[in-house]
N, C-alpha and C. Protein backbone atom coordinates (compact mmCIF):
# COMPACT_ATOMS: atom_id res chain seq x y z
N HIS A 1 -27.89 -34.68 -33.63
CA HIS A 1 -26.91 -35.49 -32.88
C HIS A 1 -25.89 -34.60 -32.19
N ASP A 2 -25.41 -33.57 -32.91
CA ASP A 2 -24.42 -32.67 -32.33
C ASP A 2 -25.01 -31.91 -31.16
N SER A 3 -26.32 -31.53 -31.27
CA SER A 3 -26.97 -30.77 -30.22
C SER A 3 -27.05 -31.59 -28.95
N ARG A 4 -27.41 -32.90 -29.10
CA ARG A 4 -27.51 -33.76 -27.93
C ARG A 4 -26.14 -33.94 -27.30
N ALA A 5 -25.11 -34.05 -28.15
CA ALA A 5 -23.75 -34.25 -27.62
C ALA A 5 -23.31 -33.04 -26.84
N ASP A 6 -23.65 -31.81 -27.37
CA ASP A 6 -23.28 -30.59 -26.67
C ASP A 6 -23.99 -30.51 -25.33
N THR A 7 -25.30 -30.90 -25.32
CA THR A 7 -26.07 -30.86 -24.08
C THR A 7 -25.48 -31.81 -23.06
N HIS A 8 -25.08 -32.99 -23.54
CA HIS A 8 -24.51 -33.99 -22.64
C HIS A 8 -23.18 -33.49 -22.06
N ASP A 9 -22.35 -32.88 -22.92
CA ASP A 9 -21.07 -32.37 -22.45
C ASP A 9 -21.27 -31.26 -21.44
N SER A 10 -22.25 -30.39 -21.69
CA SER A 10 -22.51 -29.29 -20.78
C SER A 10 -22.93 -29.82 -19.42
N GLY A 11 -23.76 -30.87 -19.44
CA GLY A 11 -24.17 -31.47 -18.19
C GLY A 11 -23.01 -32.07 -17.44
N ALA A 12 -22.09 -32.67 -18.19
CA ALA A 12 -20.91 -33.26 -17.55
C ALA A 12 -20.05 -32.19 -16.92
N ASP A 13 -19.91 -31.03 -17.63
CA ASP A 13 -19.12 -29.94 -17.08
C ASP A 13 -19.75 -29.41 -15.80
N THR A 14 -21.10 -29.33 -15.80
CA THR A 14 -21.80 -28.86 -14.61
C THR A 14 -21.56 -29.78 -13.43
N ASP A 15 -21.61 -31.11 -13.72
CA ASP A 15 -21.36 -32.08 -12.65
C ASP A 15 -19.97 -31.92 -12.10
N ASP A 16 -18.99 -31.68 -13.03
CA ASP A 16 -17.61 -31.52 -12.58
C ASP A 16 -17.47 -30.30 -11.69
N ARG A 17 -18.14 -29.20 -12.09
CA ARG A 17 -18.06 -27.99 -11.29
C ARG A 17 -18.68 -28.21 -9.92
N ASP A 18 -19.81 -28.94 -9.88
CA ASP A 18 -20.45 -29.23 -8.60
C ASP A 18 -19.54 -30.04 -7.71
N ASP A 19 -18.84 -31.02 -8.34
CA ASP A 19 -17.92 -31.84 -7.56
C ASP A 19 -16.80 -30.99 -7.00
N ASP A 20 -16.29 -30.03 -7.84
CA ASP A 20 -15.22 -29.17 -7.38
C ASP A 20 -15.66 -28.31 -6.21
N MET A 21 -16.92 -27.83 -6.28
CA MET A 21 -17.42 -26.99 -5.22
C MET A 21 -17.58 -27.78 -3.93
N GLU A 22 -17.94 -29.06 -4.06
CA GLU A 22 -18.08 -29.89 -2.87
C GLU A 22 -16.74 -30.16 -2.22
N ASP A 23 -15.68 -30.12 -3.03
CA ASP A 23 -14.35 -30.42 -2.50
C ASP A 23 -13.71 -29.23 -1.82
N VAL A 24 -14.32 -28.02 -1.94
CA VAL A 24 -13.73 -26.83 -1.35
C VAL A 24 -13.73 -26.95 0.17
N ASP A 25 -12.62 -26.70 0.79
CA ASP A 25 -12.48 -26.77 2.24
C ASP A 25 -12.84 -25.42 2.84
N CYS A 26 -13.99 -25.34 3.48
CA CYS A 26 -14.47 -24.07 4.02
C CYS A 26 -13.69 -23.64 5.24
N THR A 27 -12.91 -24.54 5.80
CA THR A 27 -12.14 -24.17 6.99
C THR A 27 -11.11 -23.12 6.67
N GLU A 28 -10.68 -23.03 5.41
CA GLU A 28 -9.69 -22.03 5.02
C GLU A 28 -10.29 -20.64 4.97
N ALA A 29 -11.60 -20.56 4.89
CA ALA A 29 -12.27 -19.24 4.85
C ALA A 29 -13.46 -19.28 5.81
N GLU A 30 -13.20 -19.75 7.03
CA GLU A 30 -14.28 -19.94 7.99
C GLU A 30 -15.00 -18.65 8.30
N SER A 31 -14.24 -17.58 8.43
CA SER A 31 -14.87 -16.30 8.76
C SER A 31 -15.80 -15.84 7.63
N ASP A 32 -15.36 -16.03 6.36
CA ASP A 32 -16.20 -15.64 5.23
C ASP A 32 -17.47 -16.47 5.18
N CYS A 33 -17.32 -17.77 5.45
CA CYS A 33 -18.49 -18.66 5.44
C CYS A 33 -19.47 -18.22 6.52
N SER A 34 -18.95 -17.88 7.70
CA SER A 34 -19.81 -17.47 8.80
C SER A 34 -20.58 -16.20 8.45
N LYS A 35 -19.88 -15.26 7.78
CA LYS A 35 -20.54 -14.02 7.37
C LYS A 35 -21.68 -14.30 6.39
N LEU A 36 -21.39 -15.17 5.43
CA LEU A 36 -22.42 -15.49 4.43
C LEU A 36 -23.62 -16.16 5.09
N LEU A 37 -23.34 -17.08 6.02
CA LEU A 37 -24.44 -17.76 6.71
C LEU A 37 -25.23 -16.77 7.56
N GLY A 38 -24.51 -15.83 8.19
CA GLY A 38 -25.18 -14.82 8.99
C GLY A 38 -26.07 -13.92 8.15
N GLN A 39 -25.60 -13.56 6.96
CA GLN A 39 -26.40 -12.75 6.06
C GLN A 39 -27.65 -13.50 5.61
N ARG A 40 -27.48 -14.80 5.35
CA ARG A 40 -28.63 -15.59 4.91
C ARG A 40 -29.68 -15.70 6.01
N ASP A 41 -29.21 -15.87 7.28
CA ASP A 41 -30.14 -15.95 8.41
C ASP A 41 -30.89 -14.64 8.58
N SER A 42 -30.16 -13.51 8.38
CA SER A 42 -30.81 -12.21 8.51
C SER A 42 -31.89 -12.02 7.45
N LEU A 43 -31.61 -12.46 6.22
CA LEU A 43 -32.59 -12.35 5.15
C LEU A 43 -33.82 -13.21 5.43
N ASP A 44 -33.59 -14.39 6.05
CA ASP A 44 -34.71 -15.28 6.35
C ASP A 44 -35.65 -14.69 7.38
N LYS A 45 -35.12 -13.79 8.24
CA LYS A 45 -35.93 -13.21 9.31
C LYS A 45 -36.71 -11.98 8.85
N ILE A 46 -36.45 -11.51 7.63
CA ILE A 46 -37.16 -10.33 7.13
C ILE A 46 -38.63 -10.66 6.90
N GLN A 47 -39.51 -9.82 7.41
CA GLN A 47 -40.95 -10.00 7.20
C GLN A 47 -41.45 -8.98 6.19
N TRP A 48 -41.85 -9.47 5.04
CA TRP A 48 -42.30 -8.60 3.97
C TRP A 48 -43.77 -8.26 4.16
N LYS A 49 -44.12 -7.00 3.90
CA LYS A 49 -45.49 -6.54 4.04
C LYS A 49 -45.98 -5.94 2.73
N SER A 50 -47.26 -6.01 2.54
CA SER A 50 -47.85 -5.46 1.30
C SER A 50 -48.07 -3.96 1.39
N THR A 51 -48.08 -3.41 2.61
CA THR A 51 -48.29 -1.97 2.78
C THR A 51 -46.95 -1.26 2.96
N LEU A 52 -46.86 -0.04 2.45
CA LEU A 52 -45.64 0.75 2.55
C LEU A 52 -45.60 1.50 3.87
N THR A 53 -44.45 1.56 4.47
CA THR A 53 -44.26 2.29 5.73
C THR A 53 -43.35 3.48 5.46
N SER A 54 -43.81 4.65 5.85
CA SER A 54 -43.00 5.84 5.61
C SER A 54 -41.89 5.94 6.65
N PHE A 55 -40.79 6.49 6.25
CA PHE A 55 -39.69 6.72 7.19
C PHE A 55 -38.98 8.02 6.80
N LYS A 56 -38.32 8.60 7.76
CA LYS A 56 -37.68 9.90 7.55
C LYS A 56 -36.17 9.72 7.55
N VAL A 57 -35.52 10.29 6.53
CA VAL A 57 -34.07 10.25 6.43
C VAL A 57 -33.51 11.54 7.04
N LYS A 58 -32.59 11.38 7.98
CA LYS A 58 -32.00 12.54 8.63
C LYS A 58 -31.16 13.32 7.63
N ASN A 59 -31.35 14.62 7.64
CA ASN A 59 -30.58 15.48 6.73
C ASN A 59 -29.09 15.44 7.10
N PHE A 60 -28.26 15.33 6.09
CA PHE A 60 -26.81 15.33 6.31
C PHE A 60 -26.30 16.75 6.16
N ARG A 61 -25.82 17.31 7.25
CA ARG A 61 -25.41 18.72 7.25
C ARG A 61 -23.93 18.91 7.53
N ASP A 62 -23.21 17.82 7.70
CA ASP A 62 -21.79 17.94 8.02
C ASP A 62 -21.01 18.43 6.81
N THR A 63 -19.88 19.04 7.07
CA THR A 63 -19.02 19.54 6.00
C THR A 63 -18.12 18.42 5.51
N VAL A 64 -18.01 18.27 4.21
CA VAL A 64 -17.16 17.23 3.64
C VAL A 64 -16.08 17.87 2.77
N GLY A 65 -15.08 17.05 2.44
CA GLY A 65 -14.01 17.54 1.57
C GLY A 65 -12.73 17.76 2.35
N PRO A 66 -11.71 18.22 1.68
CA PRO A 66 -10.41 18.43 2.33
C PRO A 66 -10.44 19.63 3.27
N ARG A 67 -9.67 19.55 4.35
CA ARG A 67 -9.55 20.66 5.29
C ARG A 67 -8.69 21.78 4.71
N HIS A 68 -7.81 21.42 3.77
CA HIS A 68 -6.89 22.40 3.20
C HIS A 68 -7.11 22.51 1.69
N ALA A 69 -6.86 23.67 1.17
CA ALA A 69 -6.90 23.82 -0.29
C ALA A 69 -5.77 23.00 -0.89
N LEU A 70 -6.06 22.30 -1.98
CA LEU A 70 -5.04 21.48 -2.60
C LEU A 70 -3.93 22.34 -3.18
N PRO A 71 -2.67 21.97 -2.92
CA PRO A 71 -1.54 22.77 -3.39
C PRO A 71 -1.47 22.82 -4.91
N ASP A 72 -0.83 23.85 -5.40
CA ASP A 72 -0.66 23.99 -6.85
C ASP A 72 0.56 23.24 -7.36
N SER A 73 1.60 23.14 -6.54
CA SER A 73 2.84 22.50 -7.00
C SER A 73 2.89 21.04 -6.57
N LEU A 74 3.62 20.24 -7.34
CA LEU A 74 3.78 18.82 -7.01
C LEU A 74 4.55 18.65 -5.70
N LEU A 75 5.51 19.52 -5.46
CA LEU A 75 6.30 19.43 -4.23
C LEU A 75 5.42 19.65 -3.00
N ASP A 76 4.55 20.67 -3.07
CA ASP A 76 3.66 20.94 -1.94
C ASP A 76 2.64 19.81 -1.76
N MET A 77 2.22 19.20 -2.86
CA MET A 77 1.30 18.07 -2.78
C MET A 77 1.99 16.89 -2.09
N PHE A 78 3.25 16.68 -2.42
CA PHE A 78 4.03 15.62 -1.79
C PHE A 78 4.15 15.89 -0.29
N ARG A 79 4.46 17.13 0.08
CA ARG A 79 4.64 17.48 1.49
C ARG A 79 3.34 17.42 2.28
N LEU A 80 2.21 17.50 1.58
CA LEU A 80 0.92 17.43 2.26
C LEU A 80 0.73 16.07 2.92
N PHE A 81 1.28 15.04 2.31
CA PHE A 81 1.13 13.68 2.85
C PHE A 81 2.44 13.16 3.46
N PHE A 82 3.56 13.42 2.80
CA PHE A 82 4.85 13.01 3.35
C PHE A 82 5.36 14.15 4.23
N THR A 83 4.82 14.19 5.42
CA THR A 83 5.14 15.26 6.36
C THR A 83 6.56 15.09 6.89
N THR A 84 7.04 16.12 7.58
CA THR A 84 8.37 16.03 8.19
C THR A 84 8.44 14.87 9.17
N ALA A 85 7.36 14.66 9.93
CA ALA A 85 7.33 13.57 10.91
C ALA A 85 7.47 12.21 10.21
N LEU A 86 6.80 12.05 9.07
CA LEU A 86 6.89 10.79 8.34
C LEU A 86 8.28 10.59 7.76
N LEU A 87 8.86 11.63 7.20
CA LEU A 87 10.22 11.54 6.66
C LEU A 87 11.23 11.24 7.78
N GLU A 88 11.01 11.84 8.95
CA GLU A 88 11.92 11.57 10.08
C GLU A 88 11.82 10.11 10.50
N TYR A 89 10.63 9.55 10.44
CA TYR A 89 10.45 8.13 10.77
C TYR A 89 11.21 7.25 9.78
N ILE A 90 11.11 7.54 8.48
CA ILE A 90 11.80 6.75 7.46
C ILE A 90 13.32 6.89 7.63
N VAL A 91 13.77 8.09 7.95
CA VAL A 91 15.20 8.33 8.19
C VAL A 91 15.68 7.45 9.35
N LEU A 92 14.91 7.43 10.44
CA LEU A 92 15.26 6.63 11.61
C LEU A 92 15.36 5.15 11.25
N GLN A 93 14.37 4.62 10.52
CA GLN A 93 14.37 3.21 10.15
C GLN A 93 15.51 2.88 9.18
N THR A 94 15.81 3.80 8.28
CA THR A 94 16.88 3.57 7.30
C THR A 94 18.24 3.54 7.99
N ASN A 95 18.49 4.48 8.85
CA ASN A 95 19.77 4.51 9.57
C ASN A 95 19.93 3.29 10.47
N GLN A 96 18.84 2.87 11.09
CA GLN A 96 18.88 1.68 11.95
C GLN A 96 19.18 0.43 11.12
N TYR A 97 18.56 0.34 9.96
CA TYR A 97 18.78 -0.82 9.09
C TYR A 97 20.21 -0.84 8.56
N ALA A 98 20.75 0.33 8.23
CA ALA A 98 22.14 0.42 7.77
C ALA A 98 23.09 -0.07 8.86
N LEU A 99 22.81 0.28 10.11
CA LEU A 99 23.63 -0.16 11.23
C LEU A 99 23.57 -1.68 11.38
N GLU A 100 22.36 -2.25 11.23
CA GLU A 100 22.20 -3.70 11.34
C GLU A 100 22.98 -4.43 10.25
N CYS A 101 22.97 -3.87 9.05
CA CYS A 101 23.63 -4.53 7.92
C CYS A 101 25.14 -4.38 7.98
N MET A 102 25.61 -3.22 8.39
CA MET A 102 27.05 -2.94 8.35
C MET A 102 27.78 -3.42 9.60
N GLY A 103 27.11 -3.35 10.74
CA GLY A 103 27.82 -3.61 11.98
C GLY A 103 28.48 -2.33 12.49
N GLY A 104 28.99 -2.37 13.69
CA GLY A 104 29.54 -1.17 14.33
C GLY A 104 30.67 -0.51 13.57
N GLU A 105 31.65 -1.31 13.11
CA GLU A 105 32.84 -0.72 12.48
C GLU A 105 32.51 -0.05 11.15
N LYS A 106 31.86 -0.80 10.28
CA LYS A 106 31.55 -0.25 8.96
C LYS A 106 30.58 0.93 9.06
N TYR A 107 29.71 0.89 10.07
CA TYR A 107 28.71 1.94 10.20
C TYR A 107 29.35 3.30 10.45
N THR A 108 30.56 3.28 11.00
CA THR A 108 31.25 4.55 11.25
C THR A 108 31.57 5.27 9.94
N ASN A 109 31.60 4.52 8.85
CA ASN A 109 31.86 5.13 7.54
C ASN A 109 30.57 5.59 6.85
N TRP A 110 29.43 5.27 7.46
CA TRP A 110 28.13 5.63 6.88
C TRP A 110 27.73 7.01 7.39
N SER A 111 27.42 7.89 6.47
CA SER A 111 26.92 9.21 6.86
C SER A 111 25.43 9.09 7.11
N PRO A 112 24.98 9.30 8.33
CA PRO A 112 23.55 9.13 8.64
C PRO A 112 22.67 9.92 7.67
N LEU A 113 21.63 9.27 7.21
CA LEU A 113 20.69 9.89 6.29
C LEU A 113 19.96 11.04 6.99
N THR A 114 19.70 12.10 6.25
CA THR A 114 18.97 13.25 6.80
C THR A 114 17.63 13.40 6.08
N VAL A 115 16.75 14.16 6.68
CA VAL A 115 15.44 14.42 6.07
C VAL A 115 15.59 15.12 4.72
N LYS A 116 16.52 16.06 4.65
CA LYS A 116 16.75 16.79 3.40
C LYS A 116 17.21 15.84 2.29
N GLU A 117 18.13 14.94 2.62
CA GLU A 117 18.60 13.97 1.64
C GLU A 117 17.48 13.04 1.18
N LEU A 118 16.68 12.59 2.14
CA LEU A 118 15.59 11.67 1.80
C LEU A 118 14.58 12.35 0.88
N GLY A 119 14.26 13.61 1.17
CA GLY A 119 13.33 14.34 0.29
C GLY A 119 13.88 14.47 -1.11
N ALA A 120 15.18 14.74 -1.21
CA ALA A 120 15.82 14.84 -2.52
C ALA A 120 15.81 13.50 -3.22
N TYR A 121 16.04 12.43 -2.48
CA TYR A 121 16.03 11.08 -3.06
C TYR A 121 14.67 10.77 -3.69
N PHE A 122 13.60 11.02 -2.95
CA PHE A 122 12.26 10.77 -3.48
C PHE A 122 11.98 11.66 -4.70
N GLY A 123 12.46 12.90 -4.63
CA GLY A 123 12.24 13.81 -5.76
C GLY A 123 13.00 13.36 -6.99
N PHE A 124 14.24 12.91 -6.82
CA PHE A 124 15.05 12.45 -7.95
C PHE A 124 14.40 11.27 -8.64
N MET A 125 13.81 10.38 -7.86
CA MET A 125 13.25 9.15 -8.42
C MET A 125 12.10 9.43 -9.38
N GLY A 126 11.46 10.59 -9.26
CA GLY A 126 10.30 10.84 -10.10
C GLY A 126 10.53 11.85 -11.20
N ILE A 127 11.75 12.33 -11.37
CA ILE A 127 12.01 13.36 -12.38
C ILE A 127 12.14 12.76 -13.77
N VAL A 128 13.17 11.96 -13.96
CA VAL A 128 13.45 11.36 -15.27
C VAL A 128 13.77 9.88 -15.04
N HIS A 129 13.15 9.03 -15.82
CA HIS A 129 13.38 7.60 -15.68
C HIS A 129 14.38 7.13 -16.74
N LEU A 130 15.44 6.49 -16.27
CA LEU A 130 16.45 5.90 -17.16
C LEU A 130 16.50 4.39 -16.92
N PRO A 131 17.02 3.63 -17.89
CA PRO A 131 17.03 2.16 -17.76
C PRO A 131 17.71 1.66 -16.50
N SER A 132 18.76 2.34 -16.05
CA SER A 132 19.51 1.91 -14.88
C SER A 132 19.79 3.11 -13.98
N LEU A 133 19.85 2.87 -12.67
CA LEU A 133 20.14 3.96 -11.75
C LEU A 133 21.50 4.60 -12.03
N CYS A 134 22.47 3.79 -12.43
CA CYS A 134 23.82 4.31 -12.68
C CYS A 134 23.88 5.20 -13.92
N ASP A 135 22.86 5.12 -14.77
CA ASP A 135 22.87 5.91 -16.01
C ASP A 135 22.88 7.41 -15.75
N TYR A 136 22.32 7.84 -14.61
CA TYR A 136 22.24 9.27 -14.32
C TYR A 136 23.63 9.90 -14.21
N TRP A 137 24.62 9.08 -13.84
CA TRP A 137 25.97 9.61 -13.62
C TRP A 137 26.94 9.29 -14.76
N LYS A 138 26.45 8.70 -15.84
CA LYS A 138 27.31 8.39 -16.98
C LYS A 138 27.83 9.68 -17.62
N GLU A 139 29.03 9.60 -18.15
CA GLU A 139 29.60 10.77 -18.83
C GLU A 139 28.97 10.98 -20.19
N ASP A 140 28.40 9.95 -20.75
CA ASP A 140 27.72 10.05 -22.04
C ASP A 140 26.56 11.04 -21.92
N SER A 141 26.55 12.06 -22.77
CA SER A 141 25.53 13.12 -22.67
C SER A 141 24.12 12.61 -22.91
N ILE A 142 24.01 11.45 -23.57
CA ILE A 142 22.68 10.89 -23.83
C ILE A 142 22.00 10.50 -22.51
N PHE A 143 22.79 10.01 -21.56
CA PHE A 143 22.24 9.53 -20.29
C PHE A 143 22.46 10.52 -19.15
N HIS A 144 23.60 11.17 -19.12
CA HIS A 144 23.96 12.01 -17.97
C HIS A 144 22.86 13.03 -17.66
N TYR A 145 22.48 13.07 -16.37
CA TYR A 145 21.41 13.99 -15.97
C TYR A 145 21.91 14.86 -14.83
N SER A 146 22.27 16.08 -15.16
CA SER A 146 22.93 16.99 -14.21
C SER A 146 22.11 17.30 -12.96
N PRO A 147 20.78 17.51 -13.04
CA PRO A 147 20.03 17.83 -11.82
C PRO A 147 20.20 16.80 -10.71
N ILE A 148 20.50 15.55 -11.08
CA ILE A 148 20.76 14.52 -10.08
C ILE A 148 22.25 14.35 -9.87
N ALA A 149 22.99 14.19 -10.97
CA ALA A 149 24.43 13.88 -10.88
C ALA A 149 25.22 14.98 -10.18
N ASP A 150 24.78 16.23 -10.31
CA ASP A 150 25.51 17.34 -9.71
C ASP A 150 25.12 17.60 -8.25
N LYS A 151 24.03 16.94 -7.80
CA LYS A 151 23.55 17.17 -6.44
C LYS A 151 24.05 16.12 -5.46
N THR A 152 24.29 14.92 -5.92
CA THR A 152 24.74 13.85 -5.04
C THR A 152 25.59 12.87 -5.84
N THR A 153 26.47 12.17 -5.14
CA THR A 153 27.32 11.20 -5.84
C THR A 153 26.54 9.92 -6.11
N ARG A 154 27.02 9.19 -7.08
CA ARG A 154 26.37 7.92 -7.42
C ARG A 154 26.38 6.96 -6.24
N ASP A 155 27.52 6.83 -5.58
CA ASP A 155 27.64 5.87 -4.49
C ASP A 155 26.72 6.22 -3.33
N ARG A 156 26.60 7.51 -3.03
CA ARG A 156 25.72 7.93 -1.93
C ARG A 156 24.27 7.63 -2.27
N PHE A 157 23.89 7.92 -3.50
CA PHE A 157 22.52 7.66 -3.93
C PHE A 157 22.21 6.17 -3.86
N LEU A 158 23.14 5.34 -4.32
CA LEU A 158 22.93 3.89 -4.29
C LEU A 158 22.91 3.35 -2.87
N ASP A 159 23.68 3.97 -1.97
CA ASP A 159 23.66 3.55 -0.57
C ASP A 159 22.29 3.81 0.05
N ILE A 160 21.74 4.99 -0.22
CA ILE A 160 20.40 5.31 0.29
C ILE A 160 19.38 4.32 -0.29
N HIS A 161 19.52 4.04 -1.58
CA HIS A 161 18.62 3.11 -2.25
C HIS A 161 18.72 1.72 -1.63
N ARG A 162 19.92 1.33 -1.26
CA ARG A 162 20.16 -0.02 -0.72
C ARG A 162 19.60 -0.18 0.68
N TYR A 163 19.72 0.84 1.51
CA TYR A 163 19.34 0.71 2.91
C TYR A 163 17.99 1.34 3.26
N LEU A 164 17.30 1.89 2.27
CA LEU A 164 16.00 2.50 2.53
C LEU A 164 15.08 1.47 3.20
N HIS A 165 14.52 1.86 4.34
CA HIS A 165 13.75 0.91 5.14
C HIS A 165 12.56 1.62 5.77
N PHE A 166 11.46 0.88 5.98
CA PHE A 166 10.23 1.47 6.49
C PHE A 166 9.71 0.84 7.77
N ASN A 167 10.32 -0.26 8.18
CA ASN A 167 9.83 -0.93 9.39
C ASN A 167 10.96 -1.76 9.99
N SER A 168 11.04 -1.80 11.29
CA SER A 168 12.07 -2.56 11.97
C SER A 168 11.88 -4.06 11.74
N ASN A 169 12.94 -4.75 11.37
CA ASN A 169 12.85 -6.19 11.14
C ASN A 169 12.43 -6.94 12.39
N SER A 170 12.76 -6.39 13.56
CA SER A 170 12.42 -7.07 14.81
C SER A 170 10.92 -7.12 15.06
N SER A 171 10.17 -6.24 14.40
CA SER A 171 8.72 -6.20 14.60
C SER A 171 7.96 -7.05 13.58
N LEU A 172 8.68 -7.64 12.63
CA LEU A 172 8.03 -8.44 11.58
C LEU A 172 7.84 -9.87 12.05
N ALA A 173 6.69 -10.43 11.77
CA ALA A 173 6.39 -11.81 12.14
C ALA A 173 7.06 -12.77 11.16
N ASP A 174 7.22 -14.00 11.59
CA ASP A 174 7.77 -15.03 10.71
C ASP A 174 6.77 -15.29 9.57
N PRO A 175 7.26 -15.44 8.33
CA PRO A 175 6.35 -15.67 7.20
C PRO A 175 5.46 -16.90 7.38
N ALA A 176 5.90 -17.86 8.22
CA ALA A 176 5.10 -19.07 8.44
C ALA A 176 3.97 -18.85 9.43
N THR A 177 3.94 -17.68 10.06
CA THR A 177 2.91 -17.38 11.05
C THR A 177 1.54 -17.27 10.38
N PRO A 178 0.50 -17.92 10.94
CA PRO A 178 -0.85 -17.80 10.38
C PRO A 178 -1.28 -16.34 10.32
N GLY A 179 -1.85 -15.93 9.20
CA GLY A 179 -2.28 -14.55 9.04
C GLY A 179 -1.14 -13.58 8.81
N TYR A 180 0.00 -14.10 8.35
CA TYR A 180 1.18 -13.27 8.10
C TYR A 180 0.84 -12.10 7.18
N ASN A 181 1.25 -10.92 7.58
CA ASN A 181 0.98 -9.70 6.80
C ASN A 181 2.08 -9.51 5.77
N LYS A 182 1.76 -9.73 4.51
CA LYS A 182 2.75 -9.59 3.45
C LYS A 182 3.16 -8.14 3.23
N MET A 183 2.37 -7.23 3.74
CA MET A 183 2.69 -5.80 3.61
C MET A 183 3.40 -5.28 4.85
N GLY A 184 3.86 -6.17 5.70
CA GLY A 184 4.45 -5.77 6.97
C GLY A 184 5.60 -4.80 6.84
N LYS A 185 6.42 -4.95 5.82
CA LYS A 185 7.60 -4.10 5.67
C LYS A 185 7.25 -2.64 5.36
N VAL A 186 6.06 -2.42 4.84
CA VAL A 186 5.65 -1.04 4.53
C VAL A 186 4.38 -0.64 5.28
N GLN A 187 3.86 -1.53 6.15
CA GLN A 187 2.60 -1.27 6.84
C GLN A 187 2.61 0.03 7.63
N PRO A 188 3.70 0.36 8.36
CA PRO A 188 3.69 1.64 9.09
C PRO A 188 3.49 2.85 8.20
N ILE A 189 4.05 2.80 6.99
CA ILE A 189 3.89 3.93 6.06
C ILE A 189 2.44 4.00 5.58
N ILE A 190 1.86 2.85 5.28
CA ILE A 190 0.45 2.81 4.85
C ILE A 190 -0.44 3.39 5.95
N ASP A 191 -0.20 2.97 7.19
CA ASP A 191 -1.01 3.44 8.32
C ASP A 191 -0.87 4.94 8.52
N LYS A 192 0.37 5.45 8.42
CA LYS A 192 0.60 6.87 8.63
C LYS A 192 -0.03 7.71 7.51
N LEU A 193 0.01 7.20 6.27
CA LEU A 193 -0.60 7.93 5.16
C LEU A 193 -2.13 7.94 5.31
N LYS A 194 -2.70 6.82 5.75
CA LYS A 194 -4.15 6.76 5.97
C LYS A 194 -4.56 7.72 7.08
N GLN A 195 -3.78 7.75 8.15
CA GLN A 195 -4.06 8.67 9.25
C GLN A 195 -3.97 10.12 8.78
N CYS A 196 -2.95 10.40 7.98
CA CYS A 196 -2.77 11.75 7.47
C CYS A 196 -3.95 12.15 6.58
N THR A 197 -4.43 11.22 5.78
CA THR A 197 -5.57 11.49 4.90
C THR A 197 -6.82 11.80 5.70
N GLU A 198 -7.05 11.02 6.78
CA GLU A 198 -8.22 11.24 7.62
C GLU A 198 -8.17 12.60 8.30
N GLU A 199 -6.97 13.00 8.70
CA GLU A 199 -6.83 14.28 9.39
C GLU A 199 -7.05 15.47 8.47
N LYS A 200 -6.89 15.26 7.19
CA LYS A 200 -6.97 16.39 6.25
C LYS A 200 -8.31 16.50 5.57
N LYS A 201 -9.25 15.60 5.89
CA LYS A 201 -10.56 15.74 5.30
C LYS A 201 -11.59 16.02 6.39
N MET A 202 -12.68 16.63 6.02
CA MET A 202 -13.70 17.02 6.99
C MET A 202 -14.93 16.15 6.81
N GLY A 203 -15.49 15.67 7.93
CA GLY A 203 -16.72 14.90 7.87
C GLY A 203 -16.55 13.60 7.14
N GLN A 204 -17.66 12.97 6.84
CA GLN A 204 -17.67 11.72 6.11
C GLN A 204 -18.72 11.81 5.01
N GLU A 205 -18.57 10.99 4.02
CA GLU A 205 -19.56 10.99 2.94
C GLU A 205 -20.88 10.47 3.46
N CYS A 206 -21.98 10.98 2.94
CA CYS A 206 -23.30 10.55 3.39
C CYS A 206 -23.54 9.11 2.94
């Protein structure tokens, strides 16, 4: 009796799943549906034969791998991808965003961010992790971290942290726009890092 009940329940679950699948609106993934249908049509056109046909694979002779020897130090590895041009771009976007937030008058009190400062900021963020950013500047010896606290003031560090920006707000689409890119605020950095990666490797994988 229990076995029949389990079989009946399983059948009911299957029916429910089928109903759910029928309710799926394919219009939300029209492109995916079209691809799947196209793949199915291609498979239907394949003509299978009982005899084997020989074919020749072209030898792959291109050089692969990085164009440069990988650096030994973490700093040089960072500079391999975060080039001066990329840091200058981030500096430009950050200073522009600070101007937008502060307005003309307050911006006169803002010291424009420099490439050297930005590099130090990124380096500081990865040295020692504390529960709060302000902990680095605490007088308590348990938290105080001189390599950061002695190089920059707390307020300056927090200002950089507050206004750090990677893309102009004017270039971002409205979130309600169809196909809105949720990565829009960092997309230029992603694109530049991908481009940098392509430039530093040779050939393509076979």
